[in-house]
Each structure stands twice: as structure tokens, then as C-alpha cells.
């Protein structure tokens, strides 16, 4: 099933996938932070404690501070979350370095201190059902 934008149900499935992932269980022990993923005008706050997602909040209020935000237009996310992403959209770090529309806002130190766990979380996101914005 393809979605134009991620729904809260899609994000809850993502939460279950991250929390069940054995590799994340190994690399995520020290990852405890709140961050946001921004799909254009739709944001999700992701609260992570010791490598487990404990909460996902859709379009959080301004008074919910986060360490950082991963921000991109839906066209970028759609390429990243696809079965065969084009070059530079195949990896979180490739996009961060080479795709101008993909941005890391906020405290990049927190993101990079947890780079391995964050990278694994993004790889799990890539395995979710595709987001189709071509219709």
C-alpha cells in the first residue's frame, strides 16, 4: 500500500520495527534523545530512550523541545523510502552530504554522537512501505 504522506499508523509500524530490531538493540544502548522527522508540512517527534522508541507524536506543539530535526520535501523522502532508490538517495549519510534539500537542523553534535544508531534507524525507515508522491 502506498501513501502520499506517512500516517501515524505508518510511524507506529516504524516504531515497532525499530524496537524489534536486534541490531538496534546492540548499537542503540546509549541513544536517548528526542528528535523530529519532517515530511514537508508534517512532523513527527520521536522520543528514543536507550535505543527504543518510547513515543511518536504527530505535529508536536512548539513547547516540545527536540535535539535535532531531519527535514526534507516529500519528493526526497519518497526516493529514500523506495525499493530501488536513485544514487545519493540510497543512504542517510549520502543524502546528508550530497542532497541539498535533505537537512539536519538543530544540535548536530547529538545526532553525530549517536550516528550509528541513527543510521540504523534510517535504514529501518527505508525498509518501510514506499511513500508514493507521484500521483
N, C-alpha and C. Protein backbone atom coordinates (compact mmCIF):
# COMPACT_ATOMS: atom_id res chain seq x y z
N UNK A 1 0.84 -1.19 0.00
CA UNK A 1 0.00 0.00 0.00
C UNK A 1 0.89 1.25 0.00
N UNK A 2 0.58 2.17 -0.88
CA UNK A 2 1.40 3.37 -0.97
C UNK A 2 0.67 4.54 -0.33
N UNK A 3 1.42 5.42 0.29
CA UNK A 3 0.87 6.59 0.97
C UNK A 3 1.44 7.85 0.34
N UNK A 4 0.63 8.92 0.35
CA UNK A 4 1.15 10.20 -0.10
C UNK A 4 2.06 10.79 0.96
N UNK A 5 1.68 10.65 2.21
CA UNK A 5 2.49 11.10 3.34
C UNK A 5 2.36 10.05 4.43
N UNK A 6 3.36 9.97 5.29
CA UNK A 6 3.28 8.97 6.35
C UNK A 6 2.15 9.30 7.33
N UNK A 7 1.42 8.29 7.68
CA UNK A 7 0.36 8.42 8.67
C UNK A 7 0.91 8.05 10.04
N UNK A 8 0.15 8.34 11.07
CA UNK A 8 0.57 7.94 12.41
C UNK A 8 0.65 6.42 12.50
N UNK A 9 -0.22 5.71 11.78
CA UNK A 9 -0.17 4.24 11.77
C UNK A 9 1.13 3.74 11.13
N UNK A 10 1.55 4.41 10.05
CA UNK A 10 2.80 4.06 9.37
C UNK A 10 3.98 4.28 10.32
N UNK A 11 3.94 5.39 11.06
CA UNK A 11 5.00 5.69 12.01
C UNK A 11 4.99 4.73 13.20
N UNK A 12 3.82 4.30 13.63
CA UNK A 12 3.73 3.31 14.71
C UNK A 12 4.31 1.97 14.25
N UNK A 13 4.09 1.62 12.98
CA UNK A 13 4.71 0.40 12.43
C UNK A 13 6.23 0.56 12.42
N UNK A 14 6.70 1.76 12.10
CA UNK A 14 8.13 2.05 12.16
C UNK A 14 8.66 1.87 13.58
N UNK A 15 7.94 2.38 14.54
CA UNK A 15 8.31 2.23 15.96
C UNK A 15 8.46 0.75 16.32
N UNK A 16 7.48 -0.06 15.94
CA UNK A 16 7.54 -1.50 16.23
C UNK A 16 8.76 -2.14 15.57
N UNK A 17 9.05 -1.73 14.32
CA UNK A 17 10.21 -2.29 13.60
C UNK A 17 11.52 -1.93 14.29
N UNK A 18 11.66 -0.67 14.68
CA UNK A 18 12.88 -0.24 15.37
C UNK A 18 13.03 -0.99 16.69
N UNK A 19 11.97 -1.06 17.45
CA UNK A 19 12.05 -1.68 18.78
C UNK A 19 12.28 -3.19 18.72
N UNK A 20 11.93 -3.82 17.61
CA UNK A 20 12.13 -5.26 17.46
C UNK A 20 13.47 -5.60 16.80
N UNK A 21 14.18 -4.60 16.31
CA UNK A 21 15.41 -4.83 15.56
C UNK A 21 16.56 -5.23 16.48
N UNK A 22 17.16 -6.38 16.22
CA UNK A 22 18.24 -6.86 17.08
C UNK A 22 19.50 -6.01 16.96
N UNK A 23 19.81 -5.54 15.75
CA UNK A 23 20.99 -4.68 15.59
C UNK A 23 20.82 -3.37 16.35
N UNK A 24 19.63 -2.81 16.29
CA UNK A 24 19.36 -1.57 17.03
C UNK A 24 19.51 -1.82 18.54
N UNK A 25 19.16 -3.00 18.97
CA UNK A 25 19.32 -3.35 20.38
C UNK A 25 20.78 -3.32 20.82
N UNK A 26 21.69 -3.59 19.89
CA UNK A 26 23.12 -3.59 20.19
C UNK A 26 23.71 -2.17 20.09
N UNK A 27 23.40 -1.46 18.99
CA UNK A 27 24.04 -0.17 18.75
C UNK A 27 23.31 1.01 19.40
N UNK A 28 22.11 0.77 19.91
CA UNK A 28 21.32 1.88 20.41
C UNK A 28 21.33 2.11 21.90
N UNK A 29 22.09 1.33 22.65
CA UNK A 29 22.07 1.42 24.11
C UNK A 29 22.26 2.84 24.65
N UNK A 30 23.09 3.62 24.01
CA UNK A 30 23.42 4.95 24.51
C UNK A 30 22.60 6.06 23.85
N UNK A 31 21.73 5.68 22.92
CA UNK A 31 20.95 6.68 22.19
C UNK A 31 19.67 7.01 22.96
N UNK A 32 19.66 8.15 23.60
CA UNK A 32 18.49 8.66 24.30
C UNK A 32 18.35 10.14 23.94
N UNK A 33 17.38 10.43 23.09
CA UNK A 33 17.15 11.80 22.64
C UNK A 33 15.77 11.90 22.02
N UNK A 34 15.27 13.11 21.96
CA UNK A 34 14.06 13.40 21.21
C UNK A 34 14.47 14.13 19.95
N UNK A 35 13.96 13.69 18.80
CA UNK A 35 14.23 14.36 17.55
C UNK A 35 12.98 14.32 16.69
N UNK A 36 12.99 15.12 15.62
CA UNK A 36 11.85 15.14 14.72
C UNK A 36 12.27 14.72 13.32
N UNK A 37 11.33 14.09 12.64
CA UNK A 37 11.44 13.85 11.20
C UNK A 37 10.35 14.70 10.57
N UNK A 38 10.77 15.54 9.63
CA UNK A 38 9.84 16.46 8.98
C UNK A 38 9.63 16.03 7.54
N UNK A 39 8.39 15.65 7.22
CA UNK A 39 7.98 15.31 5.87
C UNK A 39 7.20 16.51 5.33
N UNK A 40 7.93 17.52 4.87
CA UNK A 40 7.35 18.80 4.44
C UNK A 40 6.58 19.44 5.58
N UNK A 41 5.25 19.50 5.47
CA UNK A 41 4.45 20.18 6.49
C UNK A 41 3.99 19.25 7.61
N UNK A 42 4.41 18.02 7.58
CA UNK A 42 4.02 17.05 8.60
C UNK A 42 5.27 16.62 9.38
N UNK A 43 5.22 16.79 10.69
CA UNK A 43 6.36 16.43 11.53
C UNK A 43 5.97 15.36 12.53
N UNK A 44 6.96 14.55 12.85
CA UNK A 44 6.80 13.53 13.89
C UNK A 44 7.93 13.66 14.88
N UNK A 45 7.57 13.83 16.14
CA UNK A 45 8.55 13.80 17.21
C UNK A 45 8.77 12.34 17.57
N UNK A 46 10.02 11.95 17.66
CA UNK A 46 10.39 10.58 18.00
C UNK A 46 11.20 10.64 19.28
N UNK A 47 10.67 10.06 20.34
CA UNK A 47 11.35 10.02 21.63
C UNK A 47 12.03 8.66 21.76
N UNK A 48 13.36 8.69 21.85
CA UNK A 48 14.16 7.47 21.93
C UNK A 48 14.83 7.41 23.30
N UNK A 49 14.72 6.28 23.95
CA UNK A 49 15.40 6.04 25.22
C UNK A 49 16.11 4.70 25.13
N UNK A 50 17.44 4.75 25.29
CA UNK A 50 18.29 3.56 25.24
C UNK A 50 18.02 2.72 23.99
N UNK A 51 17.87 3.43 22.86
CA UNK A 51 17.72 2.76 21.58
C UNK A 51 16.32 2.28 21.26
N UNK A 52 15.36 2.54 22.10
CA UNK A 52 13.97 2.14 21.86
C UNK A 52 13.11 3.38 21.69
N UNK A 53 12.23 3.35 20.71
CA UNK A 53 11.28 4.45 20.55
C UNK A 53 10.19 4.27 21.58
N UNK A 54 10.05 5.25 22.47
CA UNK A 54 9.02 5.15 23.51
C UNK A 54 7.78 5.97 23.17
N UNK A 55 7.92 6.91 22.21
CA UNK A 55 6.77 7.74 21.86
C UNK A 55 6.98 8.34 20.47
N UNK A 56 5.88 8.43 19.74
CA UNK A 56 5.85 9.17 18.48
C UNK A 56 4.66 10.11 18.57
N UNK A 57 4.93 11.39 18.34
CA UNK A 57 3.86 12.38 18.38
C UNK A 57 3.79 13.10 17.04
N UNK A 58 2.60 13.11 16.45
CA UNK A 58 2.39 13.77 15.17
C UNK A 58 2.21 15.27 15.38
N UNK A 59 2.92 16.06 14.57
CA UNK A 59 2.85 17.52 14.63
C UNK A 59 2.88 18.04 16.07
N UNK A 60 4.00 17.82 16.76
CA UNK A 60 4.09 18.23 18.17
C UNK A 60 3.99 19.74 18.33
N UNK A 61 3.55 20.14 19.50
CA UNK A 61 3.48 21.56 19.81
C UNK A 61 4.89 22.15 19.89
N UNK A 62 4.95 23.46 19.79
CA UNK A 62 6.24 24.16 19.81
C UNK A 62 6.97 24.01 21.15
N UNK A 63 6.25 23.66 22.20
CA UNK A 63 6.88 23.56 23.52
C UNK A 63 7.44 22.16 23.81
N UNK A 64 7.55 21.32 22.79
CA UNK A 64 8.21 20.02 22.92
C UNK A 64 9.60 20.13 22.30
N UNK A 65 10.61 20.44 23.10
CA UNK A 65 11.95 20.61 22.53
C UNK A 65 12.53 19.29 22.00
N UNK A 66 13.31 19.43 20.95
CA UNK A 66 14.00 18.28 20.38
C UNK A 66 15.46 18.64 20.15
N UNK A 67 16.30 17.62 20.09
CA UNK A 67 17.72 17.86 19.87
C UNK A 67 18.00 18.28 18.42
N UNK A 68 17.31 17.64 17.47
CA UNK A 68 17.55 17.94 16.06
C UNK A 68 16.34 17.51 15.25
N UNK A 69 16.33 17.95 13.99
CA UNK A 69 15.27 17.60 13.05
C UNK A 69 15.89 17.16 11.74
N UNK A 70 15.39 16.06 11.19
CA UNK A 70 15.74 15.62 9.85
C UNK A 70 14.63 16.13 8.94
N UNK A 71 14.96 17.02 8.00
CA UNK A 71 13.95 17.73 7.23
C UNK A 71 14.21 17.57 5.73
N UNK A 72 13.12 17.24 4.99
CA UNK A 72 13.22 17.13 3.53
C UNK A 72 11.83 17.19 2.92
N UNK A 73 11.75 17.60 1.65
CA UNK A 73 10.47 17.54 0.94
C UNK A 73 10.05 16.08 0.72
N UNK A 74 8.78 15.87 0.47
CA UNK A 74 8.28 14.51 0.25
C UNK A 74 8.96 13.85 -0.95
N UNK A 75 9.33 14.62 -1.95
CA UNK A 75 9.99 14.03 -3.12
C UNK A 75 11.31 13.35 -2.73
N UNK A 76 12.02 13.93 -1.77
CA UNK A 76 13.28 13.34 -1.29
C UNK A 76 13.00 12.10 -0.47
N UNK A 77 12.06 12.20 0.48
CA UNK A 77 11.73 11.04 1.31
C UNK A 77 11.21 9.89 0.46
N UNK A 78 10.42 10.21 -0.57
CA UNK A 78 9.88 9.17 -1.43
C UNK A 78 10.99 8.40 -2.15
N UNK A 79 12.02 9.10 -2.59
CA UNK A 79 13.15 8.43 -3.23
C UNK A 79 13.92 7.58 -2.22
N UNK A 80 14.11 8.10 -1.01
CA UNK A 80 14.85 7.37 0.03
C UNK A 80 14.10 6.10 0.44
N UNK A 81 12.79 6.23 0.60
CA UNK A 81 11.96 5.10 1.03
C UNK A 81 11.35 4.45 -0.20
N UNK A 82 12.18 3.90 -1.02
CA UNK A 82 11.71 3.22 -2.23
C UNK A 82 12.54 1.95 -2.41
N UNK A 83 11.98 0.96 -3.10
CA UNK A 83 12.72 -0.30 -3.27
C UNK A 83 14.06 -0.14 -3.98
N UNK A 84 14.14 0.78 -4.94
CA UNK A 84 15.38 1.00 -5.70
C UNK A 84 15.67 2.49 -5.75
N UNK A 85 16.23 3.04 -4.66
CA UNK A 85 16.48 4.48 -4.66
C UNK A 85 17.58 4.86 -5.66
N UNK A 86 17.45 6.06 -6.23
CA UNK A 86 18.49 6.52 -7.15
C UNK A 86 19.79 6.83 -6.40
N UNK A 87 20.89 7.00 -7.13
CA UNK A 87 22.15 7.35 -6.48
C UNK A 87 21.99 8.57 -5.57
N UNK A 88 22.69 8.56 -4.47
CA UNK A 88 22.70 9.58 -3.42
C UNK A 88 21.49 9.50 -2.50
N UNK A 89 20.43 8.80 -2.90
CA UNK A 89 19.24 8.66 -2.07
C UNK A 89 19.20 7.28 -1.40
N UNK A 90 20.24 6.51 -1.60
CA UNK A 90 20.29 5.14 -1.09
C UNK A 90 20.73 5.06 0.37
N UNK A 91 21.28 6.16 0.91
CA UNK A 91 21.85 6.10 2.25
C UNK A 91 21.66 7.44 2.95
N UNK A 92 21.38 7.36 4.23
CA UNK A 92 21.16 8.54 5.07
C UNK A 92 22.34 9.51 4.99
N UNK A 93 23.56 9.02 5.14
CA UNK A 93 24.73 9.90 5.12
C UNK A 93 25.01 10.46 3.73
N UNK A 94 24.74 9.69 2.69
CA UNK A 94 24.90 10.21 1.33
C UNK A 94 23.95 11.39 1.11
N UNK A 95 22.72 11.24 1.56
CA UNK A 95 21.77 12.34 1.42
C UNK A 95 22.20 13.54 2.25
N UNK A 96 22.67 13.30 3.45
CA UNK A 96 23.08 14.38 4.33
C UNK A 96 24.21 15.19 3.70
N UNK A 97 25.11 14.53 3.01
CA UNK A 97 26.26 15.20 2.42
C UNK A 97 26.01 15.75 1.02
N UNK A 98 25.13 15.13 0.25
CA UNK A 98 25.04 15.46 -1.18
C UNK A 98 23.66 15.90 -1.68
N UNK A 99 22.61 15.72 -0.89
CA UNK A 99 21.27 16.13 -1.33
C UNK A 99 20.91 17.41 -0.61
N UNK A 100 20.93 18.50 -1.34
CA UNK A 100 20.76 19.82 -0.74
C UNK A 100 19.45 19.98 0.02
N UNK A 101 18.39 19.36 -0.46
CA UNK A 101 17.07 19.50 0.19
C UNK A 101 16.96 18.73 1.50
N UNK A 102 17.86 17.78 1.74
CA UNK A 102 17.84 17.00 2.97
C UNK A 102 18.69 17.73 4.00
N UNK A 103 18.07 18.12 5.11
CA UNK A 103 18.78 18.93 6.09
C UNK A 103 18.72 18.33 7.49
N UNK A 104 19.78 18.56 8.21
CA UNK A 104 19.85 18.24 9.63
C UNK A 104 19.87 19.58 10.36
N UNK A 105 18.76 19.90 11.02
CA UNK A 105 18.65 21.16 11.77
C UNK A 105 18.81 20.88 13.25
N UNK A 106 19.34 21.84 13.96
CA UNK A 106 19.45 21.70 15.41
C UNK A 106 20.84 21.27 15.84
N UNK A 107 20.89 20.48 16.89
CA UNK A 107 22.15 20.08 17.51
C UNK A 107 22.75 18.89 16.76
N UNK A 108 23.60 19.20 15.79
CA UNK A 108 24.20 18.12 15.01
C UNK A 108 25.16 17.28 15.85
N UNK A 109 25.68 17.83 16.94
CA UNK A 109 26.56 17.05 17.80
C UNK A 109 25.82 15.85 18.39
N UNK A 110 24.61 16.06 18.86
CA UNK A 110 23.81 14.95 19.42
C UNK A 110 23.56 13.91 18.33
N UNK A 111 23.23 14.37 17.13
CA UNK A 111 22.99 13.43 16.03
C UNK A 111 24.24 12.61 15.72
N UNK A 112 25.40 13.26 15.65
CA UNK A 112 26.62 12.56 15.29
C UNK A 112 27.17 11.70 16.43
N UNK A 113 26.89 12.09 17.67
CA UNK A 113 27.28 11.24 18.80
C UNK A 113 26.53 9.91 18.76
N UNK A 114 25.39 9.93 18.13
CA UNK A 114 24.54 8.74 18.01
C UNK A 114 24.41 8.29 16.56
N UNK A 115 25.44 8.56 15.78
CA UNK A 115 25.38 8.33 14.33
C UNK A 115 25.08 6.88 13.98
N UNK A 116 25.69 5.95 14.65
CA UNK A 116 25.48 4.53 14.30
C UNK A 116 24.03 4.13 14.54
N UNK A 117 23.48 4.50 15.68
CA UNK A 117 22.08 4.15 15.99
C UNK A 117 21.13 4.90 15.06
N UNK A 118 21.41 6.17 14.80
CA UNK A 118 20.56 6.96 13.91
C UNK A 118 20.60 6.39 12.50
N UNK A 119 21.78 6.00 12.05
CA UNK A 119 21.92 5.38 10.73
C UNK A 119 21.10 4.10 10.65
N UNK A 120 21.13 3.29 11.70
CA UNK A 120 20.34 2.05 11.71
C UNK A 120 18.85 2.37 11.67
N UNK A 121 18.43 3.40 12.42
CA UNK A 121 17.02 3.79 12.42
C UNK A 121 16.60 4.24 11.02
N UNK A 122 17.47 4.94 10.32
CA UNK A 122 17.14 5.39 8.97
C UNK A 122 17.10 4.21 7.99
N UNK A 123 17.97 3.21 8.20
CA UNK A 123 17.91 2.01 7.36
C UNK A 123 16.61 1.26 7.58
N UNK A 124 16.13 1.23 8.81
CA UNK A 124 14.83 0.60 9.08
C UNK A 124 13.72 1.40 8.42
N UNK A 125 13.81 2.72 8.45
CA UNK A 125 12.82 3.57 7.78
C UNK A 125 12.76 3.27 6.29
N UNK A 126 13.92 3.04 5.67
CA UNK A 126 13.99 2.71 4.25
C UNK A 126 13.24 1.42 3.92
N UNK A 127 13.14 0.52 4.89
CA UNK A 127 12.50 -0.78 4.64
C UNK A 127 10.99 -0.73 4.80
N UNK A 128 10.46 0.43 5.19
CA UNK A 128 9.02 0.57 5.34
C UNK A 128 8.36 0.58 3.96
N UNK A 129 7.03 0.45 3.93
CA UNK A 129 6.32 0.50 2.65
C UNK A 129 6.57 1.86 1.99
N UNK A 130 6.73 1.87 0.67
CA UNK A 130 7.10 3.12 -0.03
C UNK A 130 6.09 4.24 0.14
N UNK A 131 6.59 5.44 0.06
CA UNK A 131 5.77 6.65 0.06
C UNK A 131 5.71 7.13 -1.39
N UNK A 132 4.53 7.11 -1.98
CA UNK A 132 4.38 7.48 -3.38
C UNK A 132 3.83 8.89 -3.48
N UNK A 133 4.63 9.80 -4.00
CA UNK A 133 4.15 11.17 -4.19
C UNK A 133 3.98 11.50 -5.68
N UNK A 134 4.03 10.50 -6.51
CA UNK A 134 3.94 10.76 -7.94
C UNK A 134 2.50 10.86 -8.43
N UNK A 135 1.53 10.49 -7.62
CA UNK A 135 0.12 10.53 -8.06
C UNK A 135 -0.51 11.87 -7.81
